[in-house]
Amino acid sequence: MRLAPMTILLLAAFSTAAMPKSDRNDLAAQLAGRTAGPPQDCVPIEPASNLRPVDAQTLVVERGATLYVNRLRGGCPGLDPTDTIIFVAHGSQYCRGDHFRTRPFGGGVVPGPICILGDFVPYRRAR
């Protein structure tokens, strides 16, 4: 369910620059031992965790023991794991079809292209 009246501008700054490149880019390693669930249209926005770029086609958001993988519609040219995501939320969730832009880590005045979220696939650890 989406809440339309409230619009929030989220400027998601990531601390991926301090992480070794192999750790932040190796999605297969992050998903090891996890099982994919059915795709979801939306996931709640939580202040402590943001959308994190993995590559030019993929974002990840972590919610406790679950990683939600979002394969972007058409990719996002130039998206890098160290980029800042500029997201305008229309409610309290990230949803399929929502748009965002990027800004290179450490600056850049002109935002990147408009990119579109796809489905969120939950990956949970086996119990």
C-alpha atoms as a PDB file:
ATOM      1  CA  MET A   1       0.000   0.000   0.000  1.00  0.00           C
ATOM      2  CA  ARG A   2       1.372   3.413  -0.936  1.00  0.00           C
ATOM      3  CA  LEU A   3       0.756   6.663   0.907  1.00  0.00           C
ATOM      4  CA  ALA A   4       0.487   9.375  -1.719  1.00  0.00           C
ATOM      5  CA  PRO A   5       0.032  12.635   0.228  1.00  0.00           C
ATOM      6  CA  MET A   6       3.445  12.705   1.844  1.00  0.00           C
ATOM      7  CA  THR A   7       6.525  13.342  -0.275  1.00  0.00           C
ATOM      8  CA  ILE A   8       9.930  12.878   1.285  1.00  0.00           C
ATOM      9  CA  LEU A   9      13.255  13.640  -0.335  1.00  0.00           C
ATOM     10  CA  LEU A  10      15.783  11.028   0.661  1.00  0.00           C
ATOM     11  CA  LEU A  11      19.412  11.691  -0.049  1.00  0.00           C
ATOM     12  CA  ALA A  12      21.037   8.353   0.604  1.00  0.00           C
ATOM     13  CA  ALA A  13      24.746   8.659   1.295  1.00  0.00           C
ATOM     14  CA  PHE A  14      26.604   5.392   1.467  1.00  0.00           C
ATOM     15  CA  SER A  15      29.742   4.413   3.299  1.00  0.00           C
ATOM     16  CA  THR A  16      30.756   1.935   0.609  1.00  0.00           C
ATOM     17  CA  ALA A  17      33.951   3.841  -0.139  1.00  0.00           C
ATOM     18  CA  ALA A  18      35.506   2.345   3.001  1.00  0.00           C
ATOM     19  CA  MET A  19      34.515  -1.202   2.015  1.00  0.00           C
ATOM     20  CA  PRO A  20      36.812  -3.287  -0.163  1.00  0.00           C
ATOM     21  CA  LYS A  21      35.500  -3.261  -3.721  1.00  0.00           C
ATOM     22  CA  SER A  22      35.114  -7.058  -3.785  1.00  0.00           C
ATOM     23  CA  ASP A  23      32.832  -6.953  -0.702  1.00  0.00           C
ATOM     24  CA  ARG A  24      30.422  -4.358  -2.025  1.00  0.00           C
ATOM     25  CA  ASN A  25      30.272  -5.704  -5.591  1.00  0.00           C
ATOM     26  CA  ASP A  26      30.094  -9.465  -5.102  1.00  0.00           C
ATOM     27  CA  LEU A  27      26.353  -9.996  -4.994  1.00  0.00           C
ATOM     28  CA  ALA A  28      26.770 -13.763  -5.296  1.00  0.00           C
ATOM     29  CA  ALA A  29      28.775 -13.807  -2.048  1.00  0.00           C
ATOM     30  CA  GLN A  30      26.147 -11.668  -0.304  1.00  0.00           C
ATOM     31  CA  LEU A  31      23.388 -14.063  -1.391  1.00  0.00           C
ATOM     32  CA  ALA A  32      25.252 -17.268  -0.500  1.00  0.00           C
ATOM     33  CA  GLY A  33      23.140 -19.393   1.855  1.00  0.00           C
ATOM     34  CA  ARG A  34      19.987 -17.424   1.099  1.00  0.00           C
ATOM     35  CA  THR A  35      16.839 -18.515  -0.719  1.00  0.00           C
ATOM     36  CA  ALA A  36      14.889 -16.263  -3.094  1.00  0.00           C
ATOM     37  CA  GLY A  37      11.252 -15.559  -2.306  1.00  0.00           C
ATOM     38  CA  PRO A  38       8.510 -14.273  -4.597  1.00  0.00           C
ATOM     39  CA  PRO A  39       9.080 -10.773  -6.049  1.00  0.00           C
ATOM     40  CA  GLN A  40       7.443  -7.901  -4.189  1.00  0.00           C
ATOM     41  CA  ASP A  41       6.219  -4.571  -5.546  1.00  0.00           C
ATOM     42  CA  CYS A  42       7.381  -2.517  -2.534  1.00  0.00           C
ATOM     43  CA  VAL A  43       9.569  -2.565   0.585  1.00  0.00           C
ATOM     44  CA  PRO A  44       9.294  -0.165   3.546  1.00  0.00           C
ATOM     45  CA  ILE A  45      11.692   2.753   3.787  1.00  0.00           C
ATOM     46  CA  GLU A  46      13.636   2.567   7.039  1.00  0.00           C
ATOM     47  CA  PRO A  47      16.026   5.299   8.190  1.00  0.00           C
ATOM     48  CA  ALA A  48      18.821   2.886   9.146  1.00  0.00           C
ATOM     49  CA  SER A  49      19.073   1.150   5.749  1.00  0.00           C
ATOM     50  CA  ASN A  50      19.029   2.571   2.251  1.00  0.00           C
ATOM     51  CA  LEU A  51      19.121   1.391  -1.313  1.00  0.00           C
ATOM     52  CA  ARG A  52      22.721   0.393  -2.047  1.00  0.00           C
ATOM     53  CA  PRO A  53      24.071   0.185  -5.604  1.00  0.00           C
ATOM     54  CA  VAL A  54      25.836  -3.037  -6.538  1.00  0.00           C
ATOM     55  CA  ASP A  55      26.307  -2.396 -10.260  1.00  0.00           C
ATOM     56  CA  ALA A  56      24.637  -0.489 -13.119  1.00  0.00           C
ATOM     57  CA  GLN A  57      21.619  -2.816 -13.045  1.00  0.00           C
ATOM     58  CA  THR A  58      21.211  -3.790  -9.406  1.00  0.00           C
ATOM     59  CA  LEU A  59      20.366  -2.225  -6.046  1.00  0.00           C
ATOM     60  CA  VAL A  60      20.175  -4.004  -2.673  1.00  0.00           C
ATOM     61  CA  VAL A  61      18.397  -3.019   0.518  1.00  0.00           C
ATOM     62  CA  GLU A  62      18.899  -4.937   3.764  1.00  0.00           C
ATOM     63  CA  ARG A  63      16.101  -5.489   6.284  1.00  0.00           C
ATOM     64  CA  GLY A  64      17.371  -7.567   9.190  1.00  0.00           C
ATOM     65  CA  ALA A  65      18.195 -11.045   7.891  1.00  0.00           C
ATOM     66  CA  THR A  66      16.620 -10.351   4.486  1.00  0.00           C
ATOM     67  CA  LEU A  67      18.328  -8.812   1.460  1.00  0.00           C
ATOM     68  CA  TYR A  68      16.017  -7.373  -1.179  1.00  0.00           C
ATOM     69  CA  VAL A  69      17.565  -7.337  -4.641  1.00  0.00           C
ATOM     70  CA  ASN A  70      16.164  -4.887  -7.178  1.00  0.00           C
ATOM     71  CA  ARG A  71      17.037  -5.389 -10.846  1.00  0.00           C
ATOM     72  CA  LEU A  72      16.460  -1.994 -12.401  1.00  0.00           C
ATOM     73  CA  ARG A  73      14.210  -1.591 -15.419  1.00  0.00           C
ATOM     74  CA  GLY A  74      16.611  -1.037 -18.290  1.00  0.00           C
ATOM     75  CA  GLY A  75      19.616  -0.601 -16.004  1.00  0.00           C
ATOM     76  CA  CYS A  76      21.059   2.724 -14.939  1.00  0.00           C
ATOM     77  CA  PRO A  77      23.937   3.905 -17.154  1.00  0.00           C
ATOM     78  CA  GLY A  78      26.917   5.036 -15.137  1.00  0.00           C
ATOM     79  CA  LEU A  79      25.588   3.792 -11.773  1.00  0.00           C
ATOM     80  CA  ASP A  80      28.538   2.915  -9.570  1.00  0.00           C
ATOM     81  CA  PRO A  81      28.567   1.269  -6.115  1.00  0.00           C
ATOM     82  CA  THR A  82      30.007   4.451  -4.589  1.00  0.00           C
ATOM     83  CA  ASP A  83      27.308   6.759  -6.019  1.00  0.00           C
ATOM     84  CA  THR A  84      24.812   8.639  -3.894  1.00  0.00           C
ATOM     85  CA  ILE A  85      21.189   7.857  -4.724  1.00  0.00           C
ATOM     86  CA  ILE A  86      18.739  10.746  -4.872  1.00  0.00           C
ATOM     87  CA  PHE A  87      15.253   9.356  -4.307  1.00  0.00           C
ATOM     88  CA  VAL A  88      11.942  11.152  -3.949  1.00  0.00           C
ATOM     89  CA  ALA A  89       9.596   8.926  -1.957  1.00  0.00           C
ATOM     90  CA  HIS A  90       5.855   9.217  -2.357  1.00  0.00           C
ATOM     91  CA  GLY A  91       4.915   7.606   0.915  1.00  0.00           C
ATOM     92  CA  SER A  92       6.767   5.220   3.174  1.00  0.00           C
ATOM     93  CA  GLN A  93       7.958   2.617   0.670  1.00  0.00           C
ATOM     94  CA  TYR A  94      10.327   2.053  -2.234  1.00  0.00           C
ATOM     95  CA  CYS A  95       8.137   0.637  -5.029  1.00  0.00           C
ATOM     96  CA  ARG A  96       8.499  -0.859  -8.480  1.00  0.00           C
ATOM     97  CA  GLY A  97       8.316   1.926 -11.054  1.00  0.00           C
ATOM     98  CA  ASP A  98       9.647   4.625  -8.685  1.00  0.00           C
ATOM     99  CA  HIS A  99      12.359   6.870 -10.138  1.00  0.00           C
ATOM    100  CA  PHE A 100      15.705   7.936  -8.730  1.00  0.00           C
ATOM    101  CA  ARG A 101      18.834   9.731  -9.873  1.00  0.00           C
ATOM    102  CA  THR A 102      22.450   9.351  -8.870  1.00  0.00           C
ATOM    103  CA  ARG A 103      25.341  11.603  -8.028  1.00  0.00           C
ATOM    104  CA  PRO A 104      28.992  10.517  -8.086  1.00  0.00           C
ATOM    105  CA  PHE A 105      30.603   9.979  -4.683  1.00  0.00           C
ATOM    106  CA  GLY A 106      32.381  13.100  -3.481  1.00  0.00           C
ATOM    107  CA  GLY A 107      30.639  15.621  -5.632  1.00  0.00           C
ATOM    108  CA  GLY A 108      29.284  16.305  -9.023  1.00  0.00           C
ATOM    109  CA  VAL A 109      26.777  19.072  -9.579  1.00  0.00           C
ATOM    110  CA  VAL A 110      24.704  17.504 -12.324  1.00  0.00           C
ATOM    111  CA  PRO A 111      22.720  14.409 -11.304  1.00  0.00           C
ATOM    112  CA  GLY A 112      22.891  11.310 -13.490  1.00  0.00           C
ATOM    113  CA  PRO A 113      20.104   9.832 -15.586  1.00  0.00           C
ATOM    114  CA  ILE A 114      16.670   8.973 -14.275  1.00  0.00           C
ATOM    115  CA  CYS A 115      16.578   5.291 -13.316  1.00  0.00           C
ATOM    116  CA  ILE A 116      13.540   3.111 -12.568  1.00  0.00           C
ATOM    117  CA  LEU A 117      13.118   0.500  -9.834  1.00  0.00           C
ATOM    118  CA  GLY A 118      12.044  -3.028 -10.733  1.00  0.00           C
ATOM    119  CA  ASP A 119      10.650  -5.758  -8.483  1.00  0.00           C
ATOM    120  CA  PHE A 120      12.175  -6.430  -5.057  1.00  0.00           C
ATOM    121  CA  VAL A 121      13.211 -10.076  -4.679  1.00  0.00           C
ATOM    122  CA  PRO A 122      13.695 -11.081  -1.014  1.00  0.00           C
ATOM    123  CA  TYR A 123      16.580 -13.409  -0.189  1.00  0.00           C
ATOM    124  CA  ARG A 124      16.336 -14.978   3.252  1.00  0.00           C
ATOM    125  CA  ARG A 125      18.739 -17.215   5.144  1.00  0.00           C
ATOM    126  CA  ALA A 126      17.605 -20.809   5.510  1.00  0.00           C
ATOM    127  CA  ARG A 127      16.615 -21.645   9.074  1.00  0.00           C
END
